Amino acid sequence: MTSSPKLIHEVIPVGWLQCNCSIVGDTESREAIVIDPGDSPEDGARALIGKLPAIRSLLAEDVEAAFEGDPAAKSFAEIVVSYPSIRSIAIYRIAHEL
């Protein structure tokens, strides 16, 4: 039996008319798209920017967990630069917040 893809969807009211901006993401591919940004894509960007400190905190914990789980790792910087999984996790964290 095949499982159906899991999608995330968030609606953010933007602009002076509070038109809905939809953000849809696929948890498996970790890709997301913005649908109908209305008259102010800047408001959508501001909403994401407001969530960046929380995302950064989660990513710091992810990097620390990778460091603690890999005895061959020499530094956090090595993990951030060399581990492709960290990029995937970052995309997931951003898509999840949206």
PDB file of N, CA and C in Angstrom:
ATOM      1  N   MET A   1       0.842  -1.179   0.000  1.00  0.00           N
ATOM      2  CA  MET A   1       0.000   0.000   0.000  1.00  0.00           C
ATOM      3  C   MET A   1       0.888   1.243   0.000  1.00  0.00           C
ATOM      4  N   THR A   2       0.620   2.148  -0.870  1.00  0.00           N
ATOM      5  CA  THR A   2       1.400   3.373  -0.985  1.00  0.00           C
ATOM      6  C   THR A   2       0.781   4.457  -0.112  1.00  0.00           C
ATOM      7  N   SER A   3       1.641   5.153   0.627  1.00  0.00           N
ATOM      8  CA  SER A   3       1.111   6.255   1.439  1.00  0.00           C
ATOM      9  C   SER A   3       0.997   7.507   0.582  1.00  0.00           C
ATOM     10  N   SER A   4      -0.003   8.304   0.874  1.00  0.00           N
ATOM     11  CA  SER A   4      -0.185   9.535   0.118  1.00  0.00           C
ATOM     12  C   SER A   4       0.816  10.584   0.599  1.00  0.00           C
ATOM     13  N   PRO A   5       1.248  11.479  -0.293  1.00  0.00           N
ATOM     14  CA  PRO A   5       2.200  12.506   0.124  1.00  0.00           C
ATOM     15  C   PRO A   5       1.585  13.420   1.175  1.00  0.00           C
ATOM     16  N   LYS A   6       2.418  13.868   2.088  1.00  0.00           N
ATOM     17  CA  LYS A   6       1.951  14.771   3.131  1.00  0.00           C
ATOM     18  C   LYS A   6       2.271  16.203   2.732  1.00  0.00           C
ATOM     19  N   LEU A   7       1.244  17.002   2.669  1.00  0.00           N
ATOM     20  CA  LEU A   7       1.403  18.396   2.291  1.00  0.00           C
ATOM     21  C   LEU A   7       1.150  19.281   3.494  1.00  0.00           C
ATOM     22  N   ILE A   8       1.861  20.387   3.526  1.00  0.00           N
ATOM     23  CA  ILE A   8       1.567  21.412   4.517  1.00  0.00           C
ATOM     24  C   ILE A   8       0.973  22.595   3.771  1.00  0.00           C
ATOM     25  N   HIS A   9       0.091  23.296   4.445  1.00  0.00           N
ATOM     26  CA  HIS A   9      -0.566  24.443   3.822  1.00  0.00           C
ATOM     27  C   HIS A   9      -0.807  25.491   4.893  1.00  0.00           C
ATOM     28  N   GLU A  10      -0.397  26.695   4.607  1.00  0.00           N
ATOM     29  CA  GLU A  10      -0.662  27.802   5.520  1.00  0.00           C
ATOM     30  C   GLU A  10      -1.175  28.979   4.710  1.00  0.00           C
ATOM     31  N   VAL A  11      -2.161  29.645   5.254  1.00  0.00           N
ATOM     32  CA  VAL A  11      -2.725  30.829   4.611  1.00  0.00           C
ATOM     33  C   VAL A  11      -2.367  32.037   5.468  1.00  0.00           C
ATOM     34  N   ILE A  12      -1.774  33.042   4.829  1.00  0.00           N
ATOM     35  CA  ILE A  12      -1.361  34.254   5.528  1.00  0.00           C
ATOM     36  C   ILE A  12      -2.085  35.429   4.894  1.00  0.00           C
ATOM     37  N   PRO A  13      -2.879  36.198   5.672  1.00  0.00           N
ATOM     38  CA  PRO A  13      -3.505  37.388   5.108  1.00  0.00           C
ATOM     39  C   PRO A  13      -2.446  38.473   4.871  1.00  0.00           C
ATOM     40  N   VAL A  14      -2.410  39.030   3.658  1.00  0.00           N
ATOM     41  CA  VAL A  14      -1.417  40.056   3.335  1.00  0.00           C
ATOM     42  C   VAL A  14      -2.078  41.260   2.681  1.00  0.00           C
ATOM     43  N   GLY A  15      -1.385  42.360   2.754  1.00  0.00           N
ATOM     44  CA  GLY A  15      -1.861  43.570   2.091  1.00  0.00           C
ATOM     45  C   GLY A  15      -2.981  44.259   2.844  1.00  0.00           C
ATOM     46  N   TRP A  16      -3.318  45.453   2.405  1.00  0.00           N
ATOM     47  CA  TRP A  16      -4.346  46.218   3.094  1.00  0.00           C
ATOM     48  C   TRP A  16      -5.727  45.602   2.912  1.00  0.00           C
ATOM     49  N   LEU A  17      -5.893  44.797   1.864  1.00  0.00           N
ATOM     50  CA  LEU A  17      -7.162  44.085   1.676  1.00  0.00           C
ATOM     51  C   LEU A  17      -7.178  42.736   2.391  1.00  0.00           C
ATOM     52  N   GLN A  18      -6.047  42.377   2.997  1.00  0.00           N
ATOM     53  CA  GLN A  18      -5.901  41.102   3.676  1.00  0.00           C
ATOM     54  C   GLN A  18      -6.241  39.925   2.761  1.00  0.00           C
ATOM     55  N   CYS A  19      -5.772  40.008   1.501  1.00  0.00           N
ATOM     56  CA  CYS A  19      -5.941  38.905   0.561  1.00  0.00           C
ATOM     57  C   CYS A  19      -5.079  37.738   1.029  1.00  0.00           C
ATOM     58  N   ASN A  20      -5.544  36.548   0.771  1.00  0.00           N
ATOM     59  CA  ASN A  20      -4.821  35.388   1.265  1.00  0.00           C
ATOM     60  C   ASN A  20      -3.659  35.012   0.371  1.00  0.00           C
ATOM     61  N   CYS A  21      -2.547  34.779   1.009  1.00  0.00           N
ATOM     62  CA  CYS A  21      -1.366  34.238   0.368  1.00  0.00           C
ATOM     63  C   CYS A  21      -1.264  32.802   0.865  1.00  0.00           C
ATOM     64  N   SER A  22      -1.276  31.843  -0.027  1.00  0.00           N
ATOM     65  CA  SER A  22      -1.171  30.442   0.364  1.00  0.00           C
ATOM     66  C   SER A  22       0.244  29.959   0.128  1.00  0.00           C
ATOM     67  N   ILE A  23       0.741  29.241   1.094  1.00  0.00           N
ATOM     68  CA  ILE A  23       2.043  28.609   0.965  1.00  0.00           C
ATOM     69  C   ILE A  23       1.810  27.112   1.125  1.00  0.00           C
ATOM     70  N   VAL A  24       2.225  26.346   0.118  1.00  0.00           N
ATOM     71  CA  VAL A  24       2.012  24.910   0.114  1.00  0.00           C
ATOM     72  C   VAL A  24       3.369  24.234  -0.017  1.00  0.00           C
ATOM     73  N   GLY A  25       3.600  23.207   0.819  1.00  0.00           N
ATOM     74  CA  GLY A  25       4.864  22.499   0.766  1.00  0.00           C
ATOM     75  C   GLY A  25       4.666  21.001   0.852  1.00  0.00           C
ATOM     76  N   ASP A  26       5.583  20.272   0.274  1.00  0.00           N
ATOM     77  CA  ASP A  26       5.593  18.812   0.294  1.00  0.00           C
ATOM     78  C   ASP A  26       6.630  18.359   1.305  1.00  0.00           C
ATOM     79  N   THR A  27       6.196  17.599   2.322  1.00  0.00           N
ATOM     80  CA  THR A  27       7.122  17.199   3.380  1.00  0.00           C
ATOM     81  C   THR A  27       8.152  16.192   2.902  1.00  0.00           C
ATOM     82  N   GLU A  28       7.842  15.447   1.842  1.00  0.00           N
ATOM     83  CA  GLU A  28       8.805  14.464   1.347  1.00  0.00           C
ATOM     84  C   GLU A  28       9.898  15.107   0.500  1.00  0.00           C
ATOM     85  N   SER A  29       9.515  15.927  -0.465  1.00  0.00           N
ATOM     86  CA  SER A  29      10.518  16.578  -1.314  1.00  0.00           C
ATOM     87  C   SER A  29      11.080  17.831  -0.664  1.00  0.00           C
ATOM     88  N   ARG A  30      10.379  18.335   0.344  1.00  0.00           N
ATOM     89  CA  ARG A  30      10.753  19.545   1.084  1.00  0.00           C
ATOM     90  C   ARG A  30      10.794  20.780   0.172  1.00  0.00           C
ATOM     91  N   GLU A  31       9.909  20.770  -0.812  1.00  0.00           N
ATOM     92  CA  GLU A  31       9.763  21.922  -1.697  1.00  0.00           C
ATOM     93  C   GLU A  31       8.486  22.658  -1.338  1.00  0.00           C
ATOM     94  N   ALA A  32       8.473  23.965  -1.550  1.00  0.00           N
ATOM     95  CA  ALA A  32       7.291  24.762  -1.240  1.00  0.00           C
ATOM     96  C   ALA A  32       7.082  25.803  -2.327  1.00  0.00           C
ATOM     97  N   ILE A  33       5.828  26.236  -2.479  1.00  0.00           N
ATOM     98  CA  ILE A  33       5.500  27.284  -3.437  1.00  0.00           C
ATOM     99  C   ILE A  33       4.574  28.292  -2.768  1.00  0.00           C
ATOM    100  N   VAL A  34       4.609  29.502  -3.274  1.00  0.00           N
ATOM    101  CA  VAL A  34       3.706  30.560  -2.829  1.00  0.00           C
ATOM    102  C   VAL A  34       2.655  30.737  -3.913  1.00  0.00           C
ATOM    103  N   ILE A  35       1.394  30.744  -3.492  1.00  0.00           N
ATOM    104  CA  ILE A  35       0.283  30.893  -4.429  1.00  0.00           C
ATOM    105  C   ILE A  35      -0.466  32.173  -4.099  1.00  0.00           C
ATOM    106  N   ASP A  36      -0.669  33.026  -5.100  1.00  0.00           N
ATOM    107  CA  ASP A  36      -1.434  34.261  -4.970  1.00  0.00           C
ATOM    108  C   ASP A  36      -0.916  35.167  -3.862  1.00  0.00           C
ATOM    109  N   PRO A  37       0.218  35.801  -4.084  1.00  0.00           N
ATOM    110  CA  PRO A  37       0.746  36.675  -3.040  1.00  0.00           C
ATOM    111  C   PRO A  37      -0.027  37.980  -2.884  1.00  0.00           C
ATOM    112  N   GLY A  38      -1.082  38.189  -3.642  1.00  0.00           N
ATOM    113  CA  GLY A  38      -1.873  39.408  -3.496  1.00  0.00           C
ATOM    114  C   GLY A  38      -1.091  40.633  -3.932  1.00  0.00           C
ATOM    115  N   ASP A  39      -1.388  41.754  -3.307  1.00  0.00           N
ATOM    116  CA  ASP A  39      -0.744  42.992  -3.716  1.00  0.00           C
ATOM    117  C   ASP A  39       0.538  43.284  -2.939  1.00  0.00           C
ATOM    118  N   SER A  40       0.909  42.419  -2.005  1.00  0.00           N
ATOM    119  CA  SER A  40       2.078  42.723  -1.187  1.00  0.00           C
ATOM    120  C   SER A  40       2.875  41.479  -0.824  1.00  0.00           C
ATOM    121  N   PRO A  41       3.716  41.000  -1.732  1.00  0.00           N
ATOM    122  CA  PRO A  41       4.556  39.858  -1.384  1.00  0.00           C
ATOM    123  C   PRO A  41       5.505  40.185  -0.233  1.00  0.00           C
ATOM    124  N   GLU A  42       5.748  41.468  -0.017  1.00  0.00           N
ATOM    125  CA  GLU A  42       6.628  41.873   1.076  1.00  0.00           C
ATOM    126  C   GLU A  42       6.069  41.435   2.429  1.00  0.00           C
ATOM    127  N   ASP A  43       4.727  41.471   2.581  1.00  0.00           N
ATOM    128  CA  ASP A  43       4.127  41.037   3.839  1.00  0.00           C
ATOM    129  C   ASP A  43       4.368  39.548   4.086  1.00  0.00           C
ATOM    130  N   GLY A  44       4.275  38.756   3.042  1.00  0.00           N
ATOM    131  CA  GLY A  44       4.571  37.333   3.163  1.00  0.00           C
ATOM    132  C   GLY A  44       6.019  37.106   3.557  1.00  0.00           C
ATOM    133  N   ALA A  45       6.915  37.880   2.944  1.00  0.00           N
ATOM    134  CA  ALA A  45       8.337  37.774   3.287  1.00  0.00           C
ATOM    135  C   ALA A  45       8.571  38.196   4.731  1.00  0.00           C
ATOM    136  N   ARG A  46       7.880  39.261   5.181  1.00  0.00           N
ATOM    137  CA  ARG A  46       8.025  39.711   6.573  1.00  0.00           C
ATOM    138  C   ARG A  46       7.568  38.634   7.555  1.00  0.00           C
ATOM    139  N   ALA A  47       6.477  37.929   7.204  1.00  0.00           N
ATOM    140  CA  ALA A  47       5.980  36.861   8.070  1.00  0.00           C
ATOM    141  C   ALA A  47       7.036  35.767   8.216  1.00  0.00           C
ATOM    142  N   LEU A  48       7.681  35.414   7.107  1.00  0.00           N
ATOM    143  CA  LEU A  48       8.741  34.406   7.165  1.00  0.00           C
ATOM    144  C   LEU A  48       9.942  34.929   7.945  1.00  0.00           C
ATOM    145  N   ILE A  49      10.342  36.164   7.689  1.00  0.00           N
ATOM    146  CA  ILE A  49      11.487  36.743   8.386  1.00  0.00           C
ATOM    147  C   ILE A  49      11.252  36.762   9.894  1.00  0.00           C
ATOM    148  N   GLY A  50      10.003  37.009  10.300  1.00  0.00           N
ATOM    149  CA  GLY A  50       9.687  37.001  11.724  1.00  0.00           C
ATOM    150  C   GLY A  50       9.874  35.636  12.369  1.00  0.00           C
ATOM    151  N   LYS A  51       9.811  34.578  11.562  1.00  0.00           N
ATOM    152  CA  LYS A  51       9.971  33.223  12.085  1.00  0.00           C
ATOM    153  C   LYS A  51      11.417  32.725  12.025  1.00  0.00           C
ATOM    154  N   LEU A  52      12.301  33.481  11.388  1.00  0.00           N
ATOM    155  CA  LEU A  52      13.686  33.030  11.215  1.00  0.00           C
ATOM    156  C   LEU A  52      14.437  32.768  12.521  1.00  0.00           C
ATOM    157  N   PRO A  53      14.284  33.587  13.581  1.00  0.00           N
ATOM    158  CA  PRO A  53      15.005  33.261  14.822  1.00  0.00           C
ATOM    159  C   PRO A  53      14.632  31.884  15.382  1.00  0.00           C
ATOM    160  N   ALA A  54      13.358  31.522  15.318  1.00  0.00           N
ATOM    161  CA  ALA A  54      12.935  30.206  15.807  1.00  0.00           C
ATOM    162  C   ALA A  54      13.497  29.097  14.917  1.00  0.00           C
ATOM    163  N   ILE A  55      13.496  29.318  13.610  1.00  0.00           N
ATOM    164  CA  ILE A  55      14.053  28.329  12.678  1.00  0.00           C
ATOM    165  C   ILE A  55      15.542  28.158  12.934  1.00  0.00           C
ATOM    166  N   ARG A  56      16.257  29.267  13.127  1.00  0.00           N
ATOM    167  CA  ARG A  56      17.694  29.199  13.379  1.00  0.00           C
ATOM    168  C   ARG A  56      17.995  28.418  14.648  1.00  0.00           C
ATOM    169  N   SER A  57      17.193  28.618  15.677  1.00  0.00           N
ATOM    170  CA  SER A  57      17.377  27.900  16.932  1.00  0.00           C
ATOM    171  C   SER A  57      17.210  26.391  16.732  1.00  0.00           C
ATOM    172  N   LEU A  58      16.183  26.008  15.973  1.00  0.00           N
ATOM    173  CA  LEU A  58      15.978  24.585  15.694  1.00  0.00           C
ATOM    174  C   LEU A  58      17.137  24.009  14.888  1.00  0.00           C
ATOM    175  N   LEU A  59      17.633  24.772  13.911  1.00  0.00           N
ATOM    176  CA  LEU A  59      18.755  24.300  13.098  1.00  0.00           C
ATOM    177  C   LEU A  59      20.025  24.162  13.930  1.00  0.00           C
ATOM    178  N   ALA A  60      20.220  25.051  14.884  1.00  0.00           N
ATOM    179  CA  ALA A  60      21.387  24.937  15.772  1.00  0.00           C
ATOM    180  C   ALA A  60      21.309  23.635  16.567  1.00  0.00           C
ATOM    181  N   GLU A  61      20.115  23.286  17.019  1.00  0.00           N
ATOM    182  CA  GLU A  61      19.939  22.018  17.734  1.00  0.00           C
ATOM    183  C   GLU A  61      20.195  20.829  16.807  1.00  0.00           C
ATOM    184  N   ASP A  62      19.764  20.932  15.549  1.00  0.00           N
ATOM    185  CA  ASP A  62      19.989  19.860  14.577  1.00  0.00           C
ATOM    186  C   ASP A  62      21.482  19.655  14.323  1.00  0.00           C
ATOM    187  N   VAL A  63      22.212  20.752  14.172  1.00  0.00           N
ATOM    188  CA  VAL A  63      23.655  20.662  13.939  1.00  0.00           C
ATOM    189  C   VAL A  63      24.348  20.059  15.169  1.00  0.00           C
ATOM    190  N   GLU A  64      23.935  20.481  16.344  1.00  0.00           N
ATOM    191  CA  GLU A  64      24.520  19.939  17.571  1.00  0.00           C
ATOM    192  C   GLU A  64      24.244  18.435  17.682  1.00  0.00           C
ATOM    193  N   ALA A  65      23.035  18.010  17.349  1.00  0.00           N
ATOM    194  CA  ALA A  65      22.696  16.587  17.390  1.00  0.00           C
ATOM    195  C   ALA A  65      23.545  15.794  16.399  1.00  0.00           C
ATOM    196  N   ALA A  66      23.755  16.341  15.206  1.00  0.00           N
ATOM    197  CA  ALA A  66      24.602  15.670  14.208  1.00  0.00           C
ATOM    198  C   ALA A  66      26.033  15.568  14.708  1.00  0.00           C
ATOM    199  N   PHE A  67      26.519  16.634  15.344  1.00  0.00           N
ATOM    200  CA  PHE A  67      27.882  16.640  15.882  1.00  0.00           C
ATOM    201  C   PHE A  67      28.037  15.588  16.979  1.00  0.00           C
ATOM    202  N   GLU A  68      27.070  15.540  17.876  1.00  0.00           N
ATOM    203  CA  GLU A  68      27.140  14.577  18.979  1.00  0.00           C
ATOM    204  C   GLU A  68      26.964  13.142  18.493  1.00  0.00           C
ATOM    205  N   GLY A  69      26.247  12.965  17.383  1.00  0.00           N
ATOM    206  CA  GLY A  69      25.999  11.625  16.863  1.00  0.00           C
ATOM    207  C   GLY A  69      27.076  11.084  15.952  1.00  0.00           C
ATOM    208  N   ASP A  70      28.032  11.911  15.567  1.00  0.00           N
ATOM    209  CA  ASP A  70      29.092  11.470  14.656  1.00  0.00           C
ATOM    210  C   ASP A  70      30.453  11.681  15.312  1.00  0.00           C
ATOM    211  N   PRO A  71      31.067  10.610  15.802  1.00  0.00           N
ATOM    212  CA  PRO A  71      32.355  10.764  16.476  1.00  0.00           C
ATOM    213  C   PRO A  71      33.473  11.273  15.557  1.00  0.00           C
ATOM    214  N   ALA A  72      33.285  11.156  14.239  1.00  0.00           N
ATOM    215  CA  ALA A  72      34.312  11.630  13.308  1.00  0.00           C
ATOM    216  C   ALA A  72      34.213  13.129  13.042  1.00  0.00           C
ATOM    217  N   ALA A  73      33.113  13.753  13.410  1.00  0.00           N
ATOM    218  CA  ALA A  73      32.938  15.193  13.159  1.00  0.00           C
ATOM    219  C   ALA A  73      33.889  15.988  14.037  1.00  0.00           C
ATOM    220  N   LYS A  74      34.515  16.987  13.419  1.00  0.00           N
ATOM    221  CA  LYS A  74      35.502  17.794  14.151  1.00  0.00           C
ATOM    222  C   LYS A  74      34.946  19.130  14.630  1.00  0.00           C
ATOM    223  N   SER A  75      33.894  19.647  13.967  1.00  0.00           N
ATOM    224  CA  SER A  75      33.350  20.949  14.354  1.00  0.00           C
ATOM    225  C   SER A  75      31.936  21.110  13.821  1.00  0.00           C
ATOM    226  N   PHE A  76      31.223  22.077  14.378  1.00  0.00           N
ATOM    227  CA  PHE A  76      29.896  22.408  13.874  1.00  0.00           C
ATOM    228  C   PHE A  76      30.003  22.916  12.440  1.00  0.00           C
ATOM    229  N   ALA A  77      31.038  23.700  12.166  1.00  0.00           N
ATOM    230  CA  ALA A  77      31.222  24.254  10.816  1.00  0.00           C
ATOM    231  C   ALA A  77      31.358  23.134   9.786  1.00  0.00           C
ATOM    232  N   GLU A  78      32.079  22.082  10.129  1.00  0.00           N
ATOM    233  CA  GLU A  78      32.228  20.949   9.220  1.00  0.00           C
ATOM    234  C   GLU A  78      30.861  20.337   8.898  1.00  0.00           C
ATOM    235  N   ILE A  79      30.023  20.222   9.893  1.00  0.00           N
ATOM    236  CA  ILE A  79      28.699  19.637   9.689  1.00  0.00           C
ATOM    237  C   ILE A  79      27.850  20.530   8.789  1.00  0.00           C
ATOM    238  N   VAL A  80      27.862  21.823   9.045  1.00  0.00           N
ATOM    239  CA  VAL A  80      27.068  22.752   8.244  1.00  0.00           C
ATOM    240  C   VAL A  80      27.509  22.741   6.787  1.00  0.00           C
ATOM    241  N   VAL A  81      28.813  22.694   6.547  1.00  0.00           N
ATOM    242  CA  VAL A  81      29.345  22.765   5.189  1.00  0.00           C
ATOM    243  C   VAL A  81      29.319  21.414   4.474  1.00  0.00           C
ATOM    244  N   SER A  82      29.558  20.328   5.200  1.00  0.00           N
ATOM    245  CA  SER A  82      29.794  19.035   4.559  1.00  0.00           C
ATOM    246  C   SER A  82      28.627  18.057   4.569  1.00  0.00           C
ATOM    247  N   TYR A  83      27.671  18.235   5.439  1.00  0.00           N
ATOM    248  CA  TYR A  83      26.603  17.250   5.572  1.00  0.00           C
ATOM    249  C   TYR A  83      25.387  17.683   4.749  1.00  0.00           C
ATOM    250  N   PRO A  84      25.087  16.975   3.644  1.00  0.00           N
ATOM    251  CA  PRO A  84      23.943  17.361   2.817  1.00  0.00           C
ATOM    252  C   PRO A  84      22.613  17.265   3.575  1.00  0.00           C
ATOM    253  N   SER A  85      22.566  16.447   4.591  1.00  0.00           N
ATOM    254  CA  SER A  85      21.318  16.307   5.351  1.00  0.00           C
ATOM    255  C   SER A  85      20.936  17.610   6.051  1.00  0.00           C
ATOM    256  N   ILE A  86      21.917  18.423   6.412  1.00  0.00           N
ATOM    257  CA  ILE A  86      21.624  19.691   7.087  1.00  0.00           C
ATOM    258  C   ILE A  86      20.857  20.619   6.140  1.00  0.00           C
ATOM    259  N   ARG A  87      21.212  20.628   4.864  1.00  0.00           N
ATOM    260  CA  ARG A  87      20.461  21.450   3.893  1.00  0.00           C
ATOM    261  C   ARG A  87      19.022  20.963   3.795  1.00  0.00           C
ATOM    262  N   SER A  88      18.838  19.658   3.741  1.00  0.00           N
ATOM    263  CA  SER A  88      17.484  19.102   3.674  1.00  0.00           C
ATOM    264  C   SER A  88      16.680  19.453   4.918  1.00  0.00           C
ATOM    265  N   ILE A  89      17.318  19.359   6.065  1.00  0.00           N
ATOM    266  CA  ILE A  89      16.633  19.690   7.316  1.00  0.00           C
ATOM    267  C   ILE A  89      16.265  21.175   7.334  1.00  0.00           C
ATOM    268  N   ALA A  90      17.161  22.031   6.839  1.00  0.00           N
ATOM    269  CA  ALA A  90      16.885  23.473   6.807  1.00  0.00           C
ATOM    270  C   ALA A  90      15.667  23.767   5.928  1.00  0.00           C
ATOM    271  N   ILE A  91      15.605  23.127   4.759  1.00  0.00           N
ATOM    272  CA  ILE A  91      14.460  23.326   3.870  1.00  0.00           C
ATOM    273  C   ILE A  91      13.188  22.843   4.553  1.00  0.00           C
ATOM    274  N   TYR A  92      13.267  21.703   5.223  1.00  0.00           N
ATOM    275  CA  TYR A  92      12.104  21.190   5.932  1.00  0.00           C
ATOM    276  C   TYR A  92      11.658  22.151   7.030  1.00  0.00           C
ATOM    277  N   ARG A  93      12.623  22.646   7.799  1.00  0.00           N
ATOM    278  CA  ARG A  93      12.279  23.554   8.915  1.00  0.00           C
ATOM    279  C   ARG A  93      11.577  24.815   8.378  1.00  0.00           C
ATOM    280  N   ILE A  94      12.078  25.369   7.283  1.00  0.00           N
ATOM    281  CA  ILE A  94      11.453  26.570   6.713  1.00  0.00           C
ATOM    282  C   ILE A  94      10.056  26.240   6.204  1.00  0.00           C
ATOM    283  N   ALA A  95       9.920  25.147   5.457  1.00  0.00           N
ATOM    284  CA  ALA A  95       8.616  24.769   4.928  1.00  0.00           C
ATOM    285  C   ALA A  95       7.631  24.478   6.058  1.00  0.00           C
ATOM    286  N   HIS A  96       8.107  23.881   7.127  1.00  0.00           N
ATOM    287  CA  HIS A  96       7.224  23.566   8.249  1.00  0.00           C
ATOM    288  C   HIS A  96       6.718  24.834   8.937  1.00  0.00           C
ATOM    289  N   GLU A  97       7.557  25.837   9.054  1.00  0.00           N
ATOM    290  CA  GLU A  97       7.133  27.083   9.669  1.00  0.00           C
ATOM    291  C   GLU A  97       6.123  27.839   8.824  1.00  0.00           C
ATOM    292  N   LEU A  98       6.201  27.663   7.525  1.00  0.00           N
ATOM    293  CA  LEU A  98       5.271  28.355   6.639  1.00  0.00           C
ATOM    294  C   LEU A  98       3.915  27.712   6.731  1.00  0.00           C
TER     295      LEU A  98
END
